[in-house]
PDB file of all heavy atoms in Angstrom:
ATOM      1  N   GLY A   1      -4.487 -33.439 -54.639  1.00  0.00           N
ATOM      2  CA  GLY A   1      -4.318 -34.700 -53.914  1.00  0.00           C
ATOM      3  C   GLY A   1      -5.196 -34.858 -52.687  1.00  0.00           C
ATOM      4  O   GLY A   1      -5.451 -36.021 -52.266  1.00  0.00           O
ATOM      5  N   ASN A   2      -5.643 -33.751 -52.129  1.00  0.00           N
ATOM      6  CA  ASN A   2      -6.549 -33.825 -50.952  1.00  0.00           C
ATOM      7  C   ASN A   2      -7.839 -33.078 -51.164  1.00  0.00           C
ATOM      8  O   ASN A   2      -8.522 -32.735 -50.229  1.00  0.00           O
ATOM      9  CB  ASN A   2      -5.829 -33.323 -49.700  1.00  0.00           C
ATOM     10  CG  ASN A   2      -5.508 -31.798 -49.777  1.00  0.00           C
ATOM     11  OD1 ASN A   2      -5.384 -31.281 -50.893  1.00  0.00           O
ATOM     12  ND2 ASN A   2      -5.393 -31.147 -48.666  1.00  0.00           N
ATOM     13  N   GLY A   3      -8.173 -32.786 -52.415  1.00  0.00           N
ATOM     14  CA  GLY A   3      -9.449 -32.111 -52.749  1.00  0.00           C
ATOM     15  C   GLY A   3     -10.625 -32.982 -52.338  1.00  0.00           C
ATOM     16  O   GLY A   3     -10.569 -34.215 -52.457  1.00  0.00           O
ATOM     17  N   PHE A   4     -11.715 -32.366 -51.901  1.00  0.00           N
ATOM     18  CA  PHE A   4     -12.830 -33.151 -51.369  1.00  0.00           C
ATOM     19  C   PHE A   4     -13.510 -33.990 -52.428  1.00  0.00           C
ATOM     20  O   PHE A   4     -13.960 -35.103 -52.164  1.00  0.00           O
ATOM     21  CB  PHE A   4     -13.812 -32.270 -50.600  1.00  0.00           C
ATOM     22  CG  PHE A   4     -14.674 -31.375 -51.451  1.00  0.00           C
ATOM     23  CD1 PHE A   4     -15.931 -31.799 -51.838  1.00  0.00           C
ATOM     24  CD2 PHE A   4     -14.249 -30.106 -51.780  1.00  0.00           C
ATOM     25  CE1 PHE A   4     -16.762 -30.952 -52.581  1.00  0.00           C
ATOM     26  CE2 PHE A   4     -15.048 -29.261 -52.521  1.00  0.00           C
ATOM     27  CZ  PHE A   4     -16.304 -29.670 -52.916  1.00  0.00           C
ATOM     28  N   MET A   5     -13.577 -33.534 -53.674  1.00  0.00           N
ATOM     29  CA  MET A   5     -14.174 -34.363 -54.751  1.00  0.00           C
ATOM     30  C   MET A   5     -13.200 -35.473 -55.139  1.00  0.00           C
ATOM     31  O   MET A   5     -13.669 -36.558 -55.489  1.00  0.00           O
ATOM     32  CB  MET A   5     -14.521 -33.475 -55.949  1.00  0.00           C
ATOM     33  CG  MET A   5     -15.652 -32.501 -55.701  1.00  0.00           C
ATOM     34  SD  MET A   5     -16.054 -31.524 -57.185  1.00  0.00           S
ATOM     35  CE  MET A   5     -17.305 -30.415 -56.545  1.00  0.00           C
ATOM     36  N   TYR A   6     -11.927 -35.181 -55.093  1.00  0.00           N
ATOM     37  CA  TYR A   6     -10.931 -36.227 -55.330  1.00  0.00           C
ATOM     38  C   TYR A   6     -11.088 -37.309 -54.331  1.00  0.00           C
ATOM     39  O   TYR A   6     -11.033 -38.537 -54.704  1.00  0.00           O
ATOM     40  CB  TYR A   6      -9.537 -35.608 -55.265  1.00  0.00           C
ATOM     41  CG  TYR A   6      -8.390 -36.561 -55.491  1.00  0.00           C
ATOM     42  CD1 TYR A   6      -7.922 -36.815 -56.775  1.00  0.00           C
ATOM     43  CD2 TYR A   6      -7.779 -37.220 -54.410  1.00  0.00           C
ATOM     44  CE1 TYR A   6      -6.892 -37.692 -56.993  1.00  0.00           C
ATOM     45  CE2 TYR A   6      -6.718 -38.095 -54.627  1.00  0.00           C
ATOM     46  CZ  TYR A   6      -6.283 -38.341 -55.920  1.00  0.00           C
ATOM     47  OH  TYR A   6      -5.248 -39.226 -56.124  1.00  0.00           O
ATOM     48  N   GLU A   7     -11.295 -36.978 -53.068  1.00  0.00           N
ATOM     49  CA  GLU A   7     -11.495 -37.979 -52.023  1.00  0.00           C
ATOM     50  C   GLU A   7     -12.783 -38.761 -52.236  1.00  0.00           C
ATOM     51  O   GLU A   7     -12.885 -39.938 -51.818  1.00  0.00           O
ATOM     52  CB  GLU A   7     -11.488 -37.292 -50.653  1.00  0.00           C
ATOM     53  CG  GLU A   7     -10.156 -36.652 -50.293  1.00  0.00           C
ATOM     54  CD  GLU A   7      -9.065 -37.658 -50.062  1.00  0.00           C
ATOM     55  OE1 GLU A   7      -9.383 -38.848 -49.839  1.00  0.00           O
ATOM     56  OE2 GLU A   7      -7.882 -37.285 -50.054  1.00  0.00           O
ATOM     57  N   TRP A   8     -13.793 -38.145 -52.823  1.00  0.00           N
ATOM     58  CA  TRP A   8     -15.023 -38.853 -53.124  1.00  0.00           C
ATOM     59  C   TRP A   8     -14.790 -39.978 -54.147  1.00  0.00           C
ATOM     60  O   TRP A   8     -15.566 -40.923 -54.226  1.00  0.00           O
ATOM     61  CB  TRP A   8     -16.044 -37.892 -53.726  1.00  0.00           C
ATOM     62  CG  TRP A   8     -16.674 -36.925 -52.794  1.00  0.00           C
ATOM     63  CD1 TRP A   8     -16.495 -36.812 -51.446  1.00  0.00           C
ATOM     64  CD2 TRP A   8     -17.582 -35.884 -53.129  1.00  0.00           C
ATOM     65  NE1 TRP A   8     -17.251 -35.810 -50.922  1.00  0.00           N
ATOM     66  CE2 TRP A   8     -17.933 -35.196 -51.955  1.00  0.00           C
ATOM     67  CE3 TRP A   8     -18.184 -35.501 -54.328  1.00  0.00           C
ATOM     68  CZ2 TRP A   8     -18.803 -34.133 -51.938  1.00  0.00           C
ATOM     69  CZ3 TRP A   8     -19.039 -34.404 -54.326  1.00  0.00           C
ATOM     70  CH2 TRP A   8     -19.376 -33.733 -53.126  1.00  0.00           C
ATOM     71  N   GLY A   9     -13.758 -39.795 -55.000  1.00  0.00           N
ATOM     72  CA  GLY A   9     -13.561 -40.735 -56.096  1.00  0.00           C
ATOM     73  C   GLY A   9     -14.191 -40.289 -57.404  1.00  0.00           C
ATOM     74  O   GLY A   9     -14.541 -41.131 -58.219  1.00  0.00           O
ATOM     75  N   VAL A  10     -14.357 -38.951 -57.547  1.00  0.00           N
ATOM     76  CA  VAL A  10     -14.989 -38.455 -58.793  1.00  0.00           C
ATOM     77  C   VAL A  10     -14.104 -38.802 -60.001  1.00  0.00           C
ATOM     78  O   VAL A  10     -12.861 -38.854 -59.929  1.00  0.00           O
ATOM     79  CB  VAL A  10     -15.205 -36.911 -58.719  1.00  0.00           C
ATOM     80  CG1 VAL A  10     -13.861 -36.185 -58.713  1.00  0.00           C
ATOM     81  CG2 VAL A  10     -16.072 -36.428 -59.846  1.00  0.00           C
ATOM     82  N   LYS A  11     -14.757 -39.136 -61.113  1.00  0.00           N
ATOM     83  CA  LYS A  11     -14.051 -39.467 -62.332  1.00  0.00           C
ATOM     84  C   LYS A  11     -14.039 -38.255 -63.286  1.00  0.00           C
ATOM     85  O   LYS A  11     -15.083 -37.845 -63.772  1.00  0.00           O
ATOM     86  CB  LYS A  11     -14.711 -40.697 -63.014  1.00  0.00           C
ATOM     87  CG  LYS A  11     -14.547 -41.973 -62.241  1.00  0.00           C
ATOM     88  CD  LYS A  11     -15.118 -43.160 -62.993  1.00  0.00           C
ATOM     89  CE  LYS A  11     -14.949 -44.469 -62.221  1.00  0.00           C
ATOM     90  NZ  LYS A  11     -13.537 -44.794 -61.987  1.00  0.00           N
ATOM     91  N   ASP A  12     -12.887 -37.737 -63.520  1.00  0.00           N
ATOM     92  CA  ASP A  12     -12.738 -36.600 -64.478  1.00  0.00           C
ATOM     93  C   ASP A  12     -11.287 -36.545 -64.897  1.00  0.00           C
ATOM     94  O   ASP A  12     -10.488 -35.765 -64.365  1.00  0.00           O
ATOM     95  CB  ASP A  12     -13.164 -35.299 -63.788  1.00  0.00           C
ATOM     96  CG  ASP A  12     -13.156 -34.127 -64.751  1.00  0.00           C
ATOM     97  OD1 ASP A  12     -13.000 -34.389 -66.000  1.00  0.00           O
ATOM     98  OD2 ASP A  12     -13.238 -32.978 -64.354  1.00  0.00           O
ATOM     99  N   LEU A  13     -10.916 -37.406 -65.833  1.00  0.00           N
ATOM    100  CA  LEU A  13      -9.502 -37.529 -66.184  1.00  0.00           C
ATOM    101  C   LEU A  13      -8.933 -36.209 -66.659  1.00  0.00           C
ATOM    102  O   LEU A  13      -7.858 -35.823 -66.192  1.00  0.00           O
ATOM    103  CB  LEU A  13      -9.320 -38.567 -67.274  1.00  0.00           C
ATOM    104  CG  LEU A  13      -7.899 -38.714 -67.759  1.00  0.00           C
ATOM    105  CD1 LEU A  13      -6.993 -39.336 -66.694  1.00  0.00           C
ATOM    106  CD2 LEU A  13      -7.784 -39.532 -69.065  1.00  0.00           C
ATOM    107  N   ALA A  14      -9.588 -35.510 -67.583  1.00  0.00           N
ATOM    108  CA  ALA A  14      -8.939 -34.390 -68.236  1.00  0.00           C
ATOM    109  C   ALA A  14      -9.750 -33.097 -68.203  1.00  0.00           C
ATOM    110  O   ALA A  14      -9.403 -32.139 -68.890  1.00  0.00           O
ATOM    111  CB  ALA A  14      -8.585 -34.723 -69.671  1.00  0.00           C
ATOM    112  N   GLY A  15     -10.876 -33.061 -67.475  1.00  0.00           N
ATOM    113  CA  GLY A  15     -11.529 -31.769 -67.333  1.00  0.00           C
ATOM    114  C   GLY A  15     -12.968 -31.592 -67.752  1.00  0.00           C
ATOM    115  O   GLY A  15     -13.373 -30.515 -68.141  1.00  0.00           O
ATOM    116  N   GLY A  16     -13.770 -32.656 -67.726  1.00  0.00           N
ATOM    117  CA  GLY A  16     -15.178 -32.465 -67.981  1.00  0.00           C
ATOM    118  C   GLY A  16     -15.803 -31.512 -67.008  1.00  0.00           C
ATOM    119  O   GLY A  16     -16.578 -30.608 -67.355  1.00  0.00           O
ATOM    120  N   ILE A  17     -15.406 -31.639 -65.754  1.00  0.00           N
ATOM    121  CA  ILE A  17     -15.891 -30.734 -64.701  1.00  0.00           C
ATOM    122  C   ILE A  17     -14.988 -29.483 -64.630  1.00  0.00           C
ATOM    123  O   ILE A  17     -15.446 -28.348 -64.714  1.00  0.00           O
ATOM    124  CB  ILE A  17     -15.898 -31.420 -63.323  1.00  0.00           C
ATOM    125  CG1 ILE A  17     -16.901 -32.569 -63.285  1.00  0.00           C
ATOM    126  CG2 ILE A  17     -16.199 -30.442 -62.189  1.00  0.00           C
ATOM    127  CD1 ILE A  17     -16.822 -33.453 -62.056  1.00  0.00           C
ATOM    128  N   VAL A  18     -13.705 -29.732 -64.507  1.00  0.00           N
ATOM    129  CA  VAL A  18     -12.733 -28.630 -64.238  1.00  0.00           C
ATOM    130  C   VAL A  18     -12.686 -27.640 -65.432  1.00  0.00           C
ATOM    131  O   VAL A  18     -12.598 -26.422 -65.218  1.00  0.00           O
ATOM    132  CB  VAL A  18     -11.332 -29.213 -63.997  1.00  0.00           C
ATOM    133  CG1 VAL A  18     -10.316 -28.068 -63.780  1.00  0.00           C
ATOM    134  CG2 VAL A  18     -11.370 -30.148 -62.783  1.00  0.00           C
ATOM    135  N   VAL A  19     -12.718 -28.156 -66.655  1.00  0.00           N
ATOM    136  CA  VAL A  19     -12.586 -27.289 -67.816  1.00  0.00           C
ATOM    137  C   VAL A  19     -13.933 -26.973 -68.450  1.00  0.00           C
ATOM    138  O   VAL A  19     -14.351 -25.800 -68.569  1.00  0.00           O
ATOM    139  CB  VAL A  19     -11.656 -27.916 -68.834  1.00  0.00           C
ATOM    140  CG1 VAL A  19     -11.552 -27.066 -70.116  1.00  0.00           C
ATOM    141  CG2 VAL A  19     -10.261 -28.125 -68.265  1.00  0.00           C
ATOM    142  N   HIS A  20     -14.642 -27.990 -68.931  1.00  0.00           N
ATOM    143  CA  HIS A  20     -15.799 -27.764 -69.788  1.00  0.00           C
ATOM    144  C   HIS A  20     -17.041 -27.288 -69.052  1.00  0.00           C
ATOM    145  O   HIS A  20     -17.741 -26.381 -69.504  1.00  0.00           O
ATOM    146  CB  HIS A  20     -16.093 -29.017 -70.573  1.00  0.00           C
ATOM    147  CG  HIS A  20     -14.983 -29.389 -71.522  1.00  0.00           C
ATOM    148  ND1 HIS A  20     -14.674 -28.614 -72.603  1.00  0.00           N
ATOM    149  CD2 HIS A  20     -14.088 -30.391 -71.483  1.00  0.00           C
ATOM    150  CE1 HIS A  20     -13.629 -29.162 -73.242  1.00  0.00           C
ATOM    151  NE2 HIS A  20     -13.260 -30.229 -72.580  1.00  0.00           N
ATOM    152  N   ILE A  21     -17.356 -27.842 -67.894  1.00  0.00           N
ATOM    153  CA  ILE A  21     -18.525 -27.371 -67.148  1.00  0.00           C
ATOM    154  C   ILE A  21     -18.279 -25.953 -66.622  1.00  0.00           C
ATOM    155  O   ILE A  21     -19.185 -25.101 -66.755  1.00  0.00           O
ATOM    156  CB  ILE A  21     -18.889 -28.352 -66.014  1.00  0.00           C
ATOM    157  CG1 ILE A  21     -19.469 -29.632 -66.602  1.00  0.00           C
ATOM    158  CG2 ILE A  21     -19.882 -27.725 -65.039  1.00  0.00           C
ATOM    159  CD1 ILE A  21     -19.781 -30.695 -65.561  1.00  0.00           C
ATOM    160  N   THR A  22     -17.125 -25.680 -66.092  1.00  0.00           N
ATOM    161  CA  THR A  22     -16.845 -24.339 -65.574  1.00  0.00           C
ATOM    162  C   THR A  22     -16.905 -23.310 -66.706  1.00  0.00           C
ATOM    163  O   THR A  22     -17.514 -22.232 -66.570  1.00  0.00           O
ATOM    164  CB  THR A  22     -15.509 -24.241 -64.856  1.00  0.00           C
ATOM    165  OG1 THR A  22     -14.462 -24.621 -65.742  1.00  0.00           O
ATOM    166  CG2 THR A  22     -15.459 -25.130 -63.639  1.00  0.00           C
ATOM    167  N   ALA A  23     -16.279 -23.657 -67.830  1.00  0.00           N
ATOM    168  CA  ALA A  23     -16.295 -22.698 -68.983  1.00  0.00           C
ATOM    169  C   ALA A  23     -17.684 -22.529 -69.534  1.00  0.00           C
ATOM    170  O   ALA A  23     -18.092 -21.420 -69.895  1.00  0.00           O
ATOM    171  CB  ALA A  23     -15.344 -23.209 -70.063  1.00  0.00           C
ATOM    172  N   GLY A  24     -18.483 -23.624 -69.595  1.00  0.00           N
ATOM    173  CA  GLY A  24     -19.843 -23.535 -70.119  1.00  0.00           C
ATOM    174  C   GLY A  24     -20.735 -22.670 -69.256  1.00  0.00           C
ATOM    175  O   GLY A  24     -21.482 -21.816 -69.764  1.00  0.00           O
ATOM    176  N   VAL A  25     -20.668 -22.826 -67.927  1.00  0.00           N
ATOM    177  CA  VAL A  25     -21.501 -22.044 -67.019  1.00  0.00           C
ATOM    178  C   VAL A  25     -21.088 -20.559 -67.095  1.00  0.00           C
ATOM    179  O   VAL A  25     -21.947 -19.669 -67.168  1.00  0.00           O
ATOM    180  CB  VAL A  25     -21.397 -22.555 -65.590  1.00  0.00           C
ATOM    181  CG1 VAL A  25     -22.122 -21.653 -64.626  1.00  0.00           C
ATOM    182  CG2 VAL A  25     -21.994 -23.995 -65.519  1.00  0.00           C
ATOM    183  N   ALA A  26     -19.793 -20.294 -67.050  1.00  0.00           N
ATOM    184  CA  ALA A  26     -19.299 -18.918 -67.135  1.00  0.00           C
ATOM    185  C   ALA A  26     -19.710 -18.285 -68.450  1.00  0.00           C
ATOM    186  O   ALA A  26     -20.003 -17.073 -68.506  1.00  0.00           O
ATOM    187  CB  ALA A  26     -17.804 -18.881 -66.958  1.00  0.00           C
ATOM    188  N   SER A  27     -19.716 -19.065 -69.522  1.00  0.00           N
ATOM    189  CA  SER A  27     -20.116 -18.497 -70.828  1.00  0.00           C
ATOM    190  C   SER A  27     -21.597 -18.145 -70.854  1.00  0.00           C
ATOM    191  O   SER A  27     -21.965 -17.106 -71.451  1.00  0.00           O
ATOM    192  CB  SER A  27     -19.836 -19.566 -71.920  1.00  0.00           C
ATOM    193  OG  SER A  27     -18.450 -19.828 -72.031  1.00  0.00           O
ATOM    194  N   LEU A  28     -22.400 -18.924 -70.228  1.00  0.00           N
ATOM    195  CA  LEU A  28     -23.824 -18.580 -70.134  1.00  0.00           C
ATOM    196  C   LEU A  28     -24.031 -17.282 -69.375  1.00  0.00           C
ATOM    197  O   LEU A  28     -24.780 -16.390 -69.827  1.00  0.00           O
ATOM    198  CB  LEU A  28     -24.590 -19.716 -69.437  1.00  0.00           C
ATOM    199  CG  LEU A  28     -26.080 -19.474 -69.219  1.00  0.00           C
ATOM    200  CD1 LEU A  28     -26.815 -19.279 -70.542  1.00  0.00           C
ATOM    201  CD2 LEU A  28     -26.701 -20.653 -68.416  1.00  0.00           C
ATOM    202  N   VAL A  29     -23.345 -17.142 -68.249  1.00  0.00           N
ATOM    203  CA  VAL A  29     -23.449 -15.905 -67.462  1.00  0.00           C
ATOM    204  C   VAL A  29     -22.934 -14.697 -68.269  1.00  0.00           C
ATOM    205  O   VAL A  29     -23.580 -13.656 -68.305  1.00  0.00           O
ATOM    206  CB  VAL A  29     -22.635 -16.056 -66.160  1.00  0.00           C
ATOM    207  CG1 VAL A  29     -22.558 -14.710 -65.390  1.00  0.00           C
ATOM    208  CG2 VAL A  29     -23.239 -17.134 -65.266  1.00  0.00           C
ATOM    209  N   ALA A  30     -21.779 -14.879 -68.915  1.00  0.00           N
ATOM    210  CA  ALA A  30     -21.186 -13.765 -69.647  1.00  0.00           C
ATOM    211  C   ALA A  30     -22.072 -13.373 -70.831  1.00  0.00           C
ATOM    212  O   ALA A  30     -22.218 -12.168 -71.103  1.00  0.00           O
ATOM    213  CB  ALA A  30     -19.797 -14.164 -70.151  1.00  0.00           C
ATOM    214  N   SER A  31     -22.625 -14.304 -71.535  1.00  0.00           N
ATOM    215  CA  SER A  31     -23.424 -13.964 -72.722  1.00  0.00           C
ATOM    216  C   SER A  31     -24.673 -13.197 -72.301  1.00  0.00           C
ATOM    217  O   SER A  31     -25.125 -12.302 -73.040  1.00  0.00           O
ATOM    218  CB  SER A  31     -23.845 -15.266 -73.455  1.00  0.00           C
ATOM    219  OG  SER A  31     -24.682 -16.067 -72.682  1.00  0.00           O
ATOM    220  N   VAL A  32     -25.210 -13.500 -71.120  1.00  0.00           N
ATOM    221  CA  VAL A  32     -26.397 -12.786 -70.658  1.00  0.00           C
ATOM    222  C   VAL A  32     -26.010 -11.410 -70.127  1.00  0.00           C
ATOM    223  O   VAL A  32     -26.661 -10.401 -70.431  1.00  0.00           O
ATOM    224  CB  VAL A  32     -27.120 -13.580 -69.563  1.00  0.00           C
ATOM    225  CG1 VAL A  32     -28.220 -12.758 -68.894  1.00  0.00           C
ATOM    226  CG2 VAL A  32     -27.697 -14.880 -70.130  1.00  0.00           C
ATOM    227  N   MET A  33     -24.982 -11.321 -69.322  1.00  0.00           N
ATOM    228  CA  MET A  33     -24.613 -10.062 -68.685  1.00  0.00           C
ATOM    229  C   MET A  33     -23.974  -9.060 -69.649  1.00  0.00           C
ATOM    230  O   MET A  33     -24.166  -7.847 -69.528  1.00  0.00           O
ATOM    231  CB  MET A  33     -23.704 -10.306 -67.477  1.00  0.00           C
ATOM    232  CG  MET A  33     -24.381 -11.017 -66.343  1.00  0.00           C
ATOM    233  SD  MET A  33     -23.390 -11.139 -64.835  1.00  0.00           S
ATOM    234  CE  MET A  33     -23.165  -9.397 -64.403  1.00  0.00           C
ATOM    235  N   VAL A  34     -23.177  -9.554 -70.613  1.00  0.00           N
ATOM    236  CA  VAL A  34     -22.602  -8.648 -71.600  1.00  0.00           C
ATOM    237  C   VAL A  34     -23.675  -8.184 -72.575  1.00  0.00           C
ATOM    238  O   VAL A  34     -23.657  -7.062 -73.071  1.00  0.00           O
ATOM    239  CB  VAL A  34     -21.465  -9.337 -72.371  1.00  0.00           C
ATOM    240  CG1 VAL A  34     -20.930  -8.454 -73.491  1.00  0.00           C
ATOM    241  CG2 VAL A  34     -20.321  -9.648 -71.418  1.00  0.00           C
ATOM    242  N   GLY A  35     -24.644  -9.061 -72.846  1.00  0.00           N
ATOM    243  CA  GLY A  35     -25.737  -8.702 -73.762  1.00  0.00           C
ATOM    244  C   GLY A  35     -25.486  -9.235 -75.162  1.00  0.00           C
ATOM    245  O   GLY A  35     -24.362  -9.568 -75.541  1.00  0.00           O
ATOM    246  N   ALA A  36     -26.554  -9.342 -75.906  1.00  0.00           N
ATOM    247  CA  ALA A  36     -26.484  -9.912 -77.261  1.00  0.00           C
ATOM    248  C   ALA A  36     -25.840  -8.913 -78.267  1.00  0.00           C
ATOM    249  O   ALA A  36     -25.809  -7.712 -78.038  1.00  0.00           O
ATOM    250  CB  ALA A  36     -27.877 -10.264 -77.726  1.00  0.00           C
ATOM    251  N   ARG A  37     -25.291  -9.486 -79.339  1.00  0.00           N
ATOM    252  CA  ARG A  37     -24.827  -8.670 -80.422  1.00  0.00           C
ATOM    253  C   ARG A  37     -25.978  -7.905 -81.075  1.00  0.00           C
ATOM    254  O   ARG A  37     -27.144  -8.347 -81.002  1.00  0.00           O
ATOM    255  CB  ARG A  37     -24.136  -9.551 -81.472  1.00  0.00           C
ATOM    256  CG  ARG A  37     -22.829 -10.166 -81.068  1.00  0.00           C
ATOM    257  CD  ARG A  37     -22.386 -11.260 -82.001  1.00  0.00           C
ATOM    258  NE  ARG A  37     -23.294 -12.438 -81.914  1.00  0.00           N
ATOM    259  CZ  ARG A  37     -23.127 -13.553 -82.643  1.00  0.00           C
ATOM    260  NH1 ARG A  37     -22.137 -13.633 -83.527  1.00  0.00           N
ATOM    261  NH2 ARG A  37     -23.983 -14.553 -82.512  1.00  0.00           N
ATOM    262  N   LYS A  38     -25.683  -6.784 -81.643  1.00  0.00           N
ATOM    263  CA  LYS A  38     -26.707  -5.974 -82.275  1.00  0.00           C
ATOM    264  C   LYS A  38     -27.382  -6.747 -83.397  1.00  0.00           C
ATOM    265  O   LYS A  38     -26.720  -7.274 -84.287  1.00  0.00           O
ATOM    266  CB  LYS A  38     -26.093  -4.678 -82.853  1.00  0.00           C
ATOM    267  CG  LYS A  38     -25.457  -3.768 -81.787  1.00  0.00           C
ATOM    268  CD  LYS A  38     -26.541  -3.291 -80.773  1.00  0.00           C
ATOM    269  CE  LYS A  38     -25.919  -2.387 -79.722  1.00  0.00           C
ATOM    270  NZ  LYS A  38     -26.878  -1.997 -78.710  1.00  0.00           N
ATOM    271  N   GLY A  39     -28.685  -6.897 -83.293  1.00  0.00           N
ATOM    272  CA  GLY A  39     -29.439  -7.584 -84.311  1.00  0.00           C
ATOM    273  C   GLY A  39     -29.820  -8.990 -83.946  1.00  0.00           C
ATOM    274  O   GLY A  39     -30.632  -9.618 -84.640  1.00  0.00           O
TER     275      GLY A  39
END
């Protein structure tokens, strides 16, 4: 209710930023740091 992006008026009803962007960025980091599957 008092988050700074909420106060900006950001539009994100169900999680484009909160869910999908955070998960996507973390997935990129994890795939690189864990390393590729063999082959």
